Amino acid sequence: MIQYLNVSKKYGDDIVAIEDLNFQIDEGEFLFLVGSSGSGKTTVIRLLIREEKPTSGKIYFENSEVTSLRRKHIYNLRRKVGVIFQD
């Protein structure tokens, strides 16, 4: 299961990439993340794999809070979440 609870990501004071995002993906579900350029798709994925930290909110993967993982546990997370970025 993947769960985003009240997740926001801001860059500085002016740029809001994601604001108050809430959703849940249950085990076995399949989905597409689509949207226009600059809508926050890549940010959502980068937050999941802890390449970035949210400004606020919590992200869970398999009942572990991704936002509070220590560096040594991030590698284990990334072994379970496959991501291929377009660039």
Protein backbone atom coordinates (compact mmCIF):
# COMPACT_ATOMS: atom_id res chain seq x y z
CA MET A 1 0.00 0.00 0.00
CA ILE A 2 1.10 3.55 -0.77
CA GLN A 3 -0.52 6.39 1.10
CA TYR A 4 -0.02 10.16 0.94
CA LEU A 5 -1.54 12.12 3.83
CA ASN A 6 -1.77 15.92 3.54
CA VAL A 7 1.49 16.05 1.57
CA SER A 8 2.79 19.41 0.39
CA LYS A 9 6.06 20.31 -1.31
CA LYS A 10 7.24 23.88 -1.72
CA TYR A 11 10.46 25.19 -3.20
CA GLY A 12 11.32 28.43 -1.47
CA ASP A 13 8.46 30.82 -0.76
CA ASP A 14 7.13 31.15 -4.31
CA ILE A 15 6.89 27.71 -5.90
CA VAL A 16 4.23 25.24 -4.73
CA ALA A 17 4.73 21.88 -6.47
CA ILE A 18 2.14 19.93 -4.45
CA GLU A 19 -0.37 21.15 -1.91
CA ASP A 20 -2.37 19.00 0.51
CA LEU A 21 -2.21 15.80 -1.57
CA ASN A 22 -4.15 12.80 -0.24
CA PHE A 23 -4.50 9.40 -1.90
CA GLN A 24 -4.06 5.68 -1.30
CA ILE A 25 -2.99 2.89 -3.65
CA ASP A 26 -3.82 -0.57 -2.37
CA GLU A 27 -1.78 -3.69 -3.02
CA GLY A 28 -2.47 -5.07 -6.49
CA GLU A 29 -3.81 -1.81 -7.88
CA PHE A 30 -2.35 -0.42 -11.09
CA LEU A 31 -2.48 3.22 -12.04
CA PHE A 32 -1.15 5.90 -14.34
CA LEU A 33 0.07 9.26 -13.11
CA VAL A 34 -0.80 11.76 -15.83
CA GLY A 35 -0.94 15.52 -16.09
CA SER A 36 0.40 18.50 -17.93
CA SER A 37 3.99 19.61 -17.73
CA GLY A 38 4.77 21.15 -14.36
CA SER A 39 1.77 19.62 -12.59
CA GLY A 40 3.88 17.77 -9.97
CA LYS A 41 4.03 14.20 -11.33
CA THR A 42 7.78 13.83 -10.94
CA THR A 43 7.67 15.44 -7.51
CA VAL A 44 5.11 12.85 -6.35
CA ILE A 45 7.45 10.03 -7.41
CA ARG A 46 10.59 11.66 -6.01
CA LEU A 47 8.87 12.04 -2.66
CA LEU A 48 7.90 8.36 -2.67
CA ILE A 49 11.48 7.17 -3.21
CA ARG A 50 12.80 9.78 -0.74
CA GLU A 51 14.85 11.60 -3.34
CA GLU A 52 13.17 14.66 -1.80
CA LYS A 53 11.38 15.29 1.49
CA PRO A 54 7.93 16.86 1.67
CA THR A 55 7.49 20.27 3.23
CA SER A 56 4.62 18.80 5.24
CA GLY A 57 2.56 15.63 5.46
CA LYS A 58 3.38 11.94 5.62
CA ILE A 59 3.98 9.23 3.03
CA TYR A 60 3.62 5.52 3.81
CA PHE A 61 4.83 2.50 1.84
CA GLU A 62 4.00 -0.97 3.18
CA ASN A 63 3.14 0.52 6.60
CA SER A 64 6.52 2.26 6.89
CA GLU A 65 6.61 6.04 7.07
CA VAL A 66 8.83 7.01 4.15
CA THR A 67 9.21 10.58 5.36
CA SER A 68 11.04 9.48 8.51
CA LEU A 69 13.26 6.70 7.13
CA ARG A 70 16.93 6.82 7.97
CA ARG A 71 19.39 6.93 5.11
CA LYS A 72 20.37 3.25 5.45
CA HIS A 73 16.71 2.20 5.04
CA ILE A 74 16.09 4.33 1.95
CA TYR A 75 18.12 1.88 -0.14
CA ASN A 76 15.80 -0.98 0.88
CA LEU A 77 12.78 1.13 -0.07
CA ARG A 78 14.22 1.84 -3.52
CA ARG A 79 14.74 -1.88 -4.11
CA LYS A 80 10.99 -2.37 -3.71
CA VAL A 81 9.80 0.63 -5.76
CA GLY A 82 10.79 0.54 -9.42
CA VAL A 83 10.91 3.94 -11.11
CA ILE A 84 11.98 4.81 -14.64
CA PHE A 85 12.09 8.52 -15.27
CA GLN A 86 11.56 9.81 -18.79
CA ASP A 87 14.71 11.89 -18.77
